[in-house]
Amino acid sequence: MRVTICIGSACHLKGSREIISQLQSLVKEKRLEGQVDLNGSFCSGHCVSGVCVTLDGEVYSLKPEDTKEFFEKEIAGRL
């Protein structure tokens, strides 16, 4: 599973670093390192309401406080 988090200027200001940190911790905590590939990219063009996160081609808009719920539902819930 490939997860790409935008680290462009707008998403950085909206908390992309915090989201990356949380996702790294959750992947490690659940021992999913071999199944989840976390990546960063510059502007994905979908940064209207939150940090742009792409999961296997599907685009999501996240806020740092939504990260754990997103992880449980969209990442761990699909594995």
PDB file of N, CA and C in Angstrom:
ATOM      1  N   MET A   1       0.854  -1.171   0.000  1.00  0.00           N
ATOM      2  CA  MET A   1       0.000   0.000   0.000  1.00  0.00           C
ATOM      3  C   MET A   1       0.901   1.235   0.000  1.00  0.00           C
ATOM      4  N   ARG A   2       0.650   2.136  -0.926  1.00  0.00           N
ATOM      5  CA  ARG A   2       1.468   3.352  -1.047  1.00  0.00           C
ATOM      6  C   ARG A   2       0.676   4.561  -0.548  1.00  0.00           C
ATOM      7  N   VAL A   3       1.251   5.265   0.436  1.00  0.00           N
ATOM      8  CA  VAL A   3       0.643   6.456   1.009  1.00  0.00           C
ATOM      9  C   VAL A   3       1.593   7.624   0.746  1.00  0.00           C
ATOM     10  N   THR A   4       1.089   8.654   0.048  1.00  0.00           N
ATOM     11  CA  THR A   4       1.904   9.815  -0.274  1.00  0.00           C
ATOM     12  C   THR A   4       1.310  11.051   0.388  1.00  0.00           C
ATOM     13  N   ILE A   5       2.131  11.743   1.162  1.00  0.00           N
ATOM     14  CA  ILE A   5       1.698  12.930   1.887  1.00  0.00           C
ATOM     15  C   ILE A   5       2.348  14.145   1.245  1.00  0.00           C
ATOM     16  N   CYS A   6       1.538  15.131   0.921  1.00  0.00           N
ATOM     17  CA  CYS A   6       2.070  16.348   0.322  1.00  0.00           C
ATOM     18  C   CYS A   6       2.872  17.131   1.357  1.00  0.00           C
ATOM     19  N   ILE A   7       4.058  17.582   0.929  1.00  0.00           N
ATOM     20  CA  ILE A   7       4.895  18.401   1.811  1.00  0.00           C
ATOM     21  C   ILE A   7       5.144  19.779   1.196  1.00  0.00           C
ATOM     22  N   GLY A   8       4.279  20.154   0.261  1.00  0.00           N
ATOM     23  CA  GLY A   8       4.367  21.483  -0.352  1.00  0.00           C
ATOM     24  C   GLY A   8       4.045  22.558   0.668  1.00  0.00           C
ATOM     25  N   SER A   9       4.258  23.798   0.289  1.00  0.00           N
ATOM     26  CA  SER A   9       4.107  24.934   1.219  1.00  0.00           C
ATOM     27  C   SER A   9       2.758  24.980   1.923  1.00  0.00           C
ATOM     28  N   ALA A  10       1.666  24.917   1.155  1.00  0.00           N
ATOM     29  CA  ALA A  10       0.329  25.024   1.754  1.00  0.00           C
ATOM     30  C   ALA A  10       0.061  23.867   2.714  1.00  0.00           C
ATOM     31  N   CYS A  11       0.409  22.658   2.306  1.00  0.00           N
ATOM     32  CA  CYS A  11       0.165  21.500   3.173  1.00  0.00           C
ATOM     33  C   CYS A  11       1.098  21.508   4.380  1.00  0.00           C
ATOM     34  N   HIS A  12       2.306  21.995   4.196  1.00  0.00           N
ATOM     35  CA  HIS A  12       3.233  22.109   5.331  1.00  0.00           C
ATOM     36  C   HIS A  12       2.627  23.010   6.407  1.00  0.00           C
ATOM     37  N   LEU A  13       2.058  24.123   5.970  1.00  0.00           N
ATOM     38  CA  LEU A  13       1.441  25.059   6.918  1.00  0.00           C
ATOM     39  C   LEU A  13       0.202  24.466   7.581  1.00  0.00           C
ATOM     40  N   LYS A  14      -0.439  23.505   6.934  1.00  0.00           N
ATOM     41  CA  LYS A  14      -1.646  22.872   7.482  1.00  0.00           C
ATOM     42  C   LYS A  14      -1.326  21.645   8.334  1.00  0.00           C
ATOM     43  N   GLY A  15      -0.037  21.307   8.481  1.00  0.00           N
ATOM     44  CA  GLY A  15       0.337  20.234   9.403  1.00  0.00           C
ATOM     45  C   GLY A  15       0.835  18.946   8.788  1.00  0.00           C
ATOM     46  N   SER A  16       1.357  18.988   7.574  1.00  0.00           N
ATOM     47  CA  SER A  16       1.799  17.744   6.943  1.00  0.00           C
ATOM     48  C   SER A  16       2.892  17.042   7.747  1.00  0.00           C
ATOM     49  N   ARG A  17       3.787  17.787   8.366  1.00  0.00           N
ATOM     50  CA  ARG A  17       4.858  17.157   9.148  1.00  0.00           C
ATOM     51  C   ARG A  17       4.284  16.373  10.323  1.00  0.00           C
ATOM     52  N   GLU A  18       3.279  16.926  10.975  1.00  0.00           N
ATOM     53  CA  GLU A  18       2.638  16.226  12.098  1.00  0.00           C
ATOM     54  C   GLU A  18       1.931  14.961  11.615  1.00  0.00           C
ATOM     55  N   ILE A  19       1.276  15.048  10.466  1.00  0.00           N
ATOM     56  CA  ILE A  19       0.591  13.881   9.896  1.00  0.00           C
ATOM     57  C   ILE A  19       1.608  12.793   9.555  1.00  0.00           C
ATOM     58  N   ILE A  20       2.718  13.181   8.943  1.00  0.00           N
ATOM     59  CA  ILE A  20       3.767  12.209   8.617  1.00  0.00           C
ATOM     60  C   ILE A  20       4.272  11.529   9.880  1.00  0.00           C
ATOM     61  N   SER A  21       4.543  12.309  10.903  1.00  0.00           N
ATOM     62  CA  SER A  21       5.046  11.762  12.163  1.00  0.00           C
ATOM     63  C   SER A  21       4.050  10.775  12.777  1.00  0.00           C
ATOM     64  N   GLN A  22       2.780  11.143  12.785  1.00  0.00           N
ATOM     65  CA  GLN A  22       1.750  10.252  13.336  1.00  0.00           C
ATOM     66  C   GLN A  22       1.645   8.966  12.524  1.00  0.00           C
ATOM     67  N   LEU A  23       1.646   9.086  11.202  1.00  0.00           N
ATOM     68  CA  LEU A  23       1.540   7.894  10.355  1.00  0.00           C
ATOM     69  C   LEU A  23       2.754   6.978  10.535  1.00  0.00           C
ATOM     70  N   GLN A  24       3.942   7.556  10.641  1.00  0.00           N
ATOM     71  CA  GLN A  24       5.138   6.751  10.876  1.00  0.00           C
ATOM     72  C   GLN A  24       5.012   5.975  12.181  1.00  0.00           C
ATOM     73  N   SER A  25       4.553   6.635  13.220  1.00  0.00           N
ATOM     74  CA  SER A  25       4.387   5.984  14.525  1.00  0.00           C
ATOM     75  C   SER A  25       3.337   4.882  14.474  1.00  0.00           C
ATOM     76  N   LEU A  26       2.217   5.156  13.819  1.00  0.00           N
ATOM     77  CA  LEU A  26       1.139   4.163  13.733  1.00  0.00           C
ATOM     78  C   LEU A  26       1.555   2.944  12.913  1.00  0.00           C
ATOM     79  N   VAL A  27       2.260   3.168  11.820  1.00  0.00           N
ATOM     80  CA  VAL A  27       2.742   2.052  10.995  1.00  0.00           C
ATOM     81  C   VAL A  27       3.692   1.187  11.815  1.00  0.00           C
ATOM     82  N   LYS A  28       4.587   1.829  12.549  1.00  0.00           N
ATOM     83  CA  LYS A  28       5.537   1.084  13.377  1.00  0.00           C
ATOM     84  C   LYS A  28       4.828   0.353  14.509  1.00  0.00           C
ATOM     85  N   GLU A  29       3.901   1.045  15.174  1.00  0.00           N
ATOM     86  CA  GLU A  29       3.153   0.462  16.290  1.00  0.00           C
ATOM     87  C   GLU A  29       2.380  -0.793  15.864  1.00  0.00           C
ATOM     88  N   LYS A  30       1.796  -0.745  14.674  1.00  0.00           N
ATOM     89  CA  LYS A  30       1.004  -1.875  14.170  1.00  0.00           C
ATOM     90  C   LYS A  30       1.855  -2.887  13.396  1.00  0.00           C
ATOM     91  N   ARG A  31       3.162  -2.609  13.313  1.00  0.00           N
ATOM     92  CA  ARG A  31       4.115  -3.491  12.615  1.00  0.00           C
ATOM     93  C   ARG A  31       3.732  -3.710  11.151  1.00  0.00           C
ATOM     94  N   LEU A  32       3.448  -2.621  10.480  1.00  0.00           N
ATOM     95  CA  LEU A  32       3.031  -2.683   9.076  1.00  0.00           C
ATOM     96  C   LEU A  32       4.103  -2.141   8.125  1.00  0.00           C
ATOM     97  N   GLU A  33       5.345  -2.055   8.598  1.00  0.00           N
ATOM     98  CA  GLU A  33       6.415  -1.475   7.796  1.00  0.00           C
ATOM     99  C   GLU A  33       6.552  -2.129   6.421  1.00  0.00           C
ATOM    100  N   GLY A  34       6.386  -3.429   6.339  1.00  0.00           N
ATOM    101  CA  GLY A  34       6.526  -4.142   5.067  1.00  0.00           C
ATOM    102  C   GLY A  34       5.315  -4.022   4.157  1.00  0.00           C
ATOM    103  N   GLN A  35       4.208  -3.498   4.697  1.00  0.00           N
ATOM    104  CA  GLN A  35       2.974  -3.423   3.921  1.00  0.00           C
ATOM    105  C   GLN A  35       2.577  -2.003   3.538  1.00  0.00           C
ATOM    106  N   VAL A  36       3.096  -1.014   4.270  1.00  0.00           N
ATOM    107  CA  VAL A  36       2.725   0.385   4.033  1.00  0.00           C
ATOM    108  C   VAL A  36       3.986   1.163   3.654  1.00  0.00           C
ATOM    109  N   ASP A  37       3.952   1.770   2.479  1.00  0.00           N
ATOM    110  CA  ASP A  37       5.064   2.564   1.968  1.00  0.00           C
ATOM    111  C   ASP A  37       4.697   4.038   2.081  1.00  0.00           C
ATOM    112  N   LEU A  38       5.294   4.741   3.058  1.00  0.00           N
ATOM    113  CA  LEU A  38       5.020   6.163   3.261  1.00  0.00           C
ATOM    114  C   LEU A  38       5.984   6.998   2.423  1.00  0.00           C
ATOM    115  N   ASN A  39       5.440   7.964   1.687  1.00  0.00           N
ATOM    116  CA  ASN A  39       6.234   8.834   0.820  1.00  0.00           C
ATOM    117  C   ASN A  39       5.793  10.271   0.983  1.00  0.00           C
ATOM    118  N   GLY A  40       6.667  11.173   0.581  1.00  0.00           N
ATOM    119  CA  GLY A  40       6.330  12.584   0.536  1.00  0.00           C
ATOM    120  C   GLY A  40       6.395  13.066  -0.907  1.00  0.00           C
ATOM    121  N   SER A  41       5.642  14.095  -1.215  1.00  0.00           N
ATOM    122  CA  SER A  41       5.704  14.694  -2.549  1.00  0.00           C
ATOM    123  C   SER A  41       5.385  16.176  -2.420  1.00  0.00           C
ATOM    124  N   PHE A  42       5.810  16.918  -3.411  1.00  0.00           N
ATOM    125  CA  PHE A  42       5.451  18.328  -3.413  1.00  0.00           C
ATOM    126  C   PHE A  42       4.074  18.477  -4.020  1.00  0.00           C
ATOM    127  N   CYS A  43       3.563  19.655  -4.086  1.00  0.00           N
ATOM    128  CA  CYS A  43       2.168  19.960  -4.371  1.00  0.00           C
ATOM    129  C   CYS A  43       1.455  18.936  -5.249  1.00  0.00           C
ATOM    130  N   SER A  44       0.386  18.406  -4.687  1.00  0.00           N
ATOM    131  CA  SER A  44      -0.461  17.447  -5.398  1.00  0.00           C
ATOM    132  C   SER A  44      -1.657  18.138  -6.025  1.00  0.00           C
ATOM    133  N   GLY A  45      -1.829  19.425  -5.721  1.00  0.00           N
ATOM    134  CA  GLY A  45      -2.905  20.197  -6.327  1.00  0.00           C
ATOM    135  C   GLY A  45      -4.270  20.041  -5.690  1.00  0.00           C
ATOM    136  N   HIS A  46      -4.343  19.412  -4.522  1.00  0.00           N
ATOM    137  CA  HIS A  46      -5.631  19.178  -3.862  1.00  0.00           C
ATOM    138  C   HIS A  46      -5.606  19.677  -2.423  1.00  0.00           C
ATOM    139  N   CYS A  47      -5.032  20.841  -2.199  1.00  0.00           N
ATOM    140  CA  CYS A  47      -4.796  21.296  -0.827  1.00  0.00           C
ATOM    141  C   CYS A  47      -5.808  22.349  -0.370  1.00  0.00           C
ATOM    142  N   VAL A  48      -7.043  22.217  -0.802  1.00  0.00           N
ATOM    143  CA  VAL A  48      -8.051  23.229  -0.485  1.00  0.00           C
ATOM    144  C   VAL A  48      -8.398  23.261   1.003  1.00  0.00           C
ATOM    145  N   SER A  49      -8.712  22.115   1.602  1.00  0.00           N
ATOM    146  CA  SER A  49      -9.201  22.139   2.980  1.00  0.00           C
ATOM    147  C   SER A  49      -8.279  21.480   3.994  1.00  0.00           C
ATOM    148  N   GLY A  50      -7.241  20.806   3.540  1.00  0.00           N
ATOM    149  CA  GLY A  50      -6.346  20.141   4.477  1.00  0.00           C
ATOM    150  C   GLY A  50      -5.119  19.642   3.751  1.00  0.00           C
ATOM    151  N   VAL A  51      -4.373  18.777   4.399  1.00  0.00           N
ATOM    152  CA  VAL A  51      -3.168  18.202   3.810  1.00  0.00           C
ATOM    153  C   VAL A  51      -3.589  17.113   2.825  1.00  0.00           C
ATOM    154  N   CYS A  52      -3.032  17.175   1.641  1.00  0.00           N
ATOM    155  CA  CYS A  52      -3.357  16.206   0.603  1.00  0.00           C
ATOM    156  C   CYS A  52      -2.605  14.900   0.868  1.00  0.00           C
ATOM    157  N   VAL A  53      -3.366  13.815   1.015  1.00  0.00           N
ATOM    158  CA  VAL A  53      -2.802  12.489   1.223  1.00  0.00           C
ATOM    159  C   VAL A  53      -3.389  11.592   0.152  1.00  0.00           C
ATOM    160  N   THR A  54      -2.506  10.903  -0.577  1.00  0.00           N
ATOM    161  CA  THR A  54      -2.950   9.995  -1.626  1.00  0.00           C
ATOM    162  C   THR A  54      -2.689   8.568  -1.174  1.00  0.00           C
ATOM    163  N   LEU A  55      -3.711   7.740  -1.247  1.00  0.00           N
ATOM    164  CA  LEU A  55      -3.620   6.341  -0.831  1.00  0.00           C
ATOM    165  C   LEU A  55      -3.954   5.484  -2.032  1.00  0.00           C
ATOM    166  N   ASP A  56      -2.938   4.843  -2.589  1.00  0.00           N
ATOM    167  CA  ASP A  56      -3.115   4.018  -3.786  1.00  0.00           C
ATOM    168  C   ASP A  56      -3.930   4.739  -4.862  1.00  0.00           C
ATOM    169  N   GLY A  57      -3.617   6.007  -5.096  1.00  0.00           N
ATOM    170  CA  GLY A  57      -4.273   6.784  -6.149  1.00  0.00           C
ATOM    171  C   GLY A  57      -5.517   7.537  -5.726  1.00  0.00           C
ATOM    172  N   GLU A  58      -6.055   7.246  -4.554  1.00  0.00           N
ATOM    173  CA  GLU A  58      -7.238   7.945  -4.039  1.00  0.00           C
ATOM    174  C   GLU A  58      -6.778   9.141  -3.217  1.00  0.00           C
ATOM    175  N   VAL A  59      -7.388  10.305  -3.456  1.00  0.00           N
ATOM    176  CA  VAL A  59      -6.971  11.532  -2.785  1.00  0.00           C
ATOM    177  C   VAL A  59      -7.859  11.827  -1.576  1.00  0.00           C
ATOM    178  N   TYR A  60      -7.215  12.147  -0.458  1.00  0.00           N
ATOM    179  CA  TYR A  60      -7.898  12.511   0.782  1.00  0.00           C
ATOM    180  C   TYR A  60      -7.351  13.847   1.246  1.00  0.00           C
ATOM    181  N   SER A  61      -8.126  14.563   2.017  1.00  0.00           N
ATOM    182  CA  SER A  61      -7.701  15.827   2.604  1.00  0.00           C
ATOM    183  C   SER A  61      -7.774  15.669   4.118  1.00  0.00           C
ATOM    184  N   LEU A  62      -6.624  15.740   4.780  1.00  0.00           N
ATOM    185  CA  LEU A  62      -6.556  15.461   6.218  1.00  0.00           C
ATOM    186  C   LEU A  62      -6.126  16.666   7.039  1.00  0.00           C
ATOM    187  N   LYS A  63      -6.577  16.658   8.262  1.00  0.00           N
ATOM    188  CA  LYS A  63      -6.082  17.571   9.282  1.00  0.00           C
ATOM    189  C   LYS A  63      -5.336  16.690  10.285  1.00  0.00           C
ATOM    190  N   PRO A  64      -4.336  17.222  10.975  1.00  0.00           N
ATOM    191  CA  PRO A  64      -3.575  16.392  11.913  1.00  0.00           C
ATOM    192  C   PRO A  64      -4.454  15.626  12.909  1.00  0.00           C
ATOM    193  N   GLU A  65      -5.505  16.260  13.382  1.00  0.00           N
ATOM    194  CA  GLU A  65      -6.363  15.594  14.374  1.00  0.00           C
ATOM    195  C   GLU A  65      -7.186  14.439  13.796  1.00  0.00           C
ATOM    196  N   ASP A  66      -7.246  14.314  12.473  1.00  0.00           N
ATOM    197  CA  ASP A  66      -7.989  13.227  11.816  1.00  0.00           C
ATOM    198  C   ASP A  66      -7.106  12.044  11.442  1.00  0.00           C
ATOM    199  N   THR A  67      -5.818  12.152  11.694  1.00  0.00           N
ATOM    200  CA  THR A  67      -4.858  11.166  11.195  1.00  0.00           C
ATOM    201  C   THR A  67      -5.096   9.765  11.741  1.00  0.00           C
ATOM    202  N   LYS A  68      -5.301   9.632  13.031  1.00  0.00           N
ATOM    203  CA  LYS A  68      -5.465   8.293  13.621  1.00  0.00           C
ATOM    204  C   LYS A  68      -6.713   7.609  13.067  1.00  0.00           C
ATOM    205  N   GLU A  69      -7.813   8.338  12.981  1.00  0.00           N
ATOM    206  CA  GLU A  69      -9.044   7.767  12.429  1.00  0.00           C
ATOM    207  C   GLU A  69      -8.841   7.359  10.970  1.00  0.00           C
ATOM    208  N   PHE A  70      -8.165   8.203  10.193  1.00  0.00           N
ATOM    209  CA  PHE A  70      -7.854   7.889   8.797  1.00  0.00           C
ATOM    210  C   PHE A  70      -7.019   6.615   8.718  1.00  0.00           C
ATOM    211  N   PHE A  71      -6.005   6.523   9.564  1.00  0.00           N
ATOM    212  CA  PHE A  71      -5.141   5.343   9.567  1.00  0.00           C
ATOM    213  C   PHE A  71      -5.941   4.077   9.862  1.00  0.00           C
ATOM    214  N   GLU A  72      -6.735   4.119  10.915  1.00  0.00           N
ATOM    215  CA  GLU A  72      -7.505   2.929  11.310  1.00  0.00           C
ATOM    216  C   GLU A  72      -8.479   2.488  10.214  1.00  0.00           C
ATOM    217  N   LYS A  73      -9.168   3.444   9.620  1.00  0.00           N
ATOM    218  CA  LYS A  73     -10.195   3.121   8.631  1.00  0.00           C
ATOM    219  C   LYS A  73      -9.610   2.809   7.247  1.00  0.00           C
ATOM    220  N   GLU A  74      -8.756   3.689   6.749  1.00  0.00           N
ATOM    221  CA  GLU A  74      -8.325   3.597   5.372  1.00  0.00           C
ATOM    222  C   GLU A  74      -7.049   2.779   5.151  1.00  0.00           C
ATOM    223  N   ILE A  75      -6.199   2.711   6.156  1.00  0.00           N
ATOM    224  CA  ILE A  75      -4.953   1.962   5.991  1.00  0.00           C
ATOM    225  C   ILE A  75      -5.058   0.592   6.683  1.00  0.00           C
ATOM    226  N   ALA A  76      -5.146   0.586   8.002  1.00  0.00           N
ATOM    227  CA  ALA A  76      -5.221  -0.691   8.730  1.00  0.00           C
ATOM    228  C   ALA A  76      -6.490  -1.452   8.352  1.00  0.00           C
ATOM    229  N   GLY A  77      -7.566  -0.740   8.088  1.00  0.00           N
ATOM    230  CA  GLY A  77      -8.826  -1.378   7.731  1.00  0.00           C
ATOM    231  C   GLY A  77      -8.822  -2.073   6.385  1.00  0.00           C
ATOM    232  N   ARG A  78      -7.870  -1.738   5.537  1.00  0.00           N
ATOM    233  CA  ARG A  78      -7.775  -2.366   4.211  1.00  0.00           C
ATOM    234  C   ARG A  78      -6.776  -3.527   4.159  1.00  0.00           C
ATOM    235  N   LEU A  79      -5.993  -3.664   5.213  1.00  0.00           N
ATOM    236  CA  LEU A  79      -4.974  -4.718   5.211  1.00  0.00           C
ATOM    237  C   LEU A  79      -5.448  -5.973   5.880  1.00  0.00           C
TER     238      LEU A  79
END
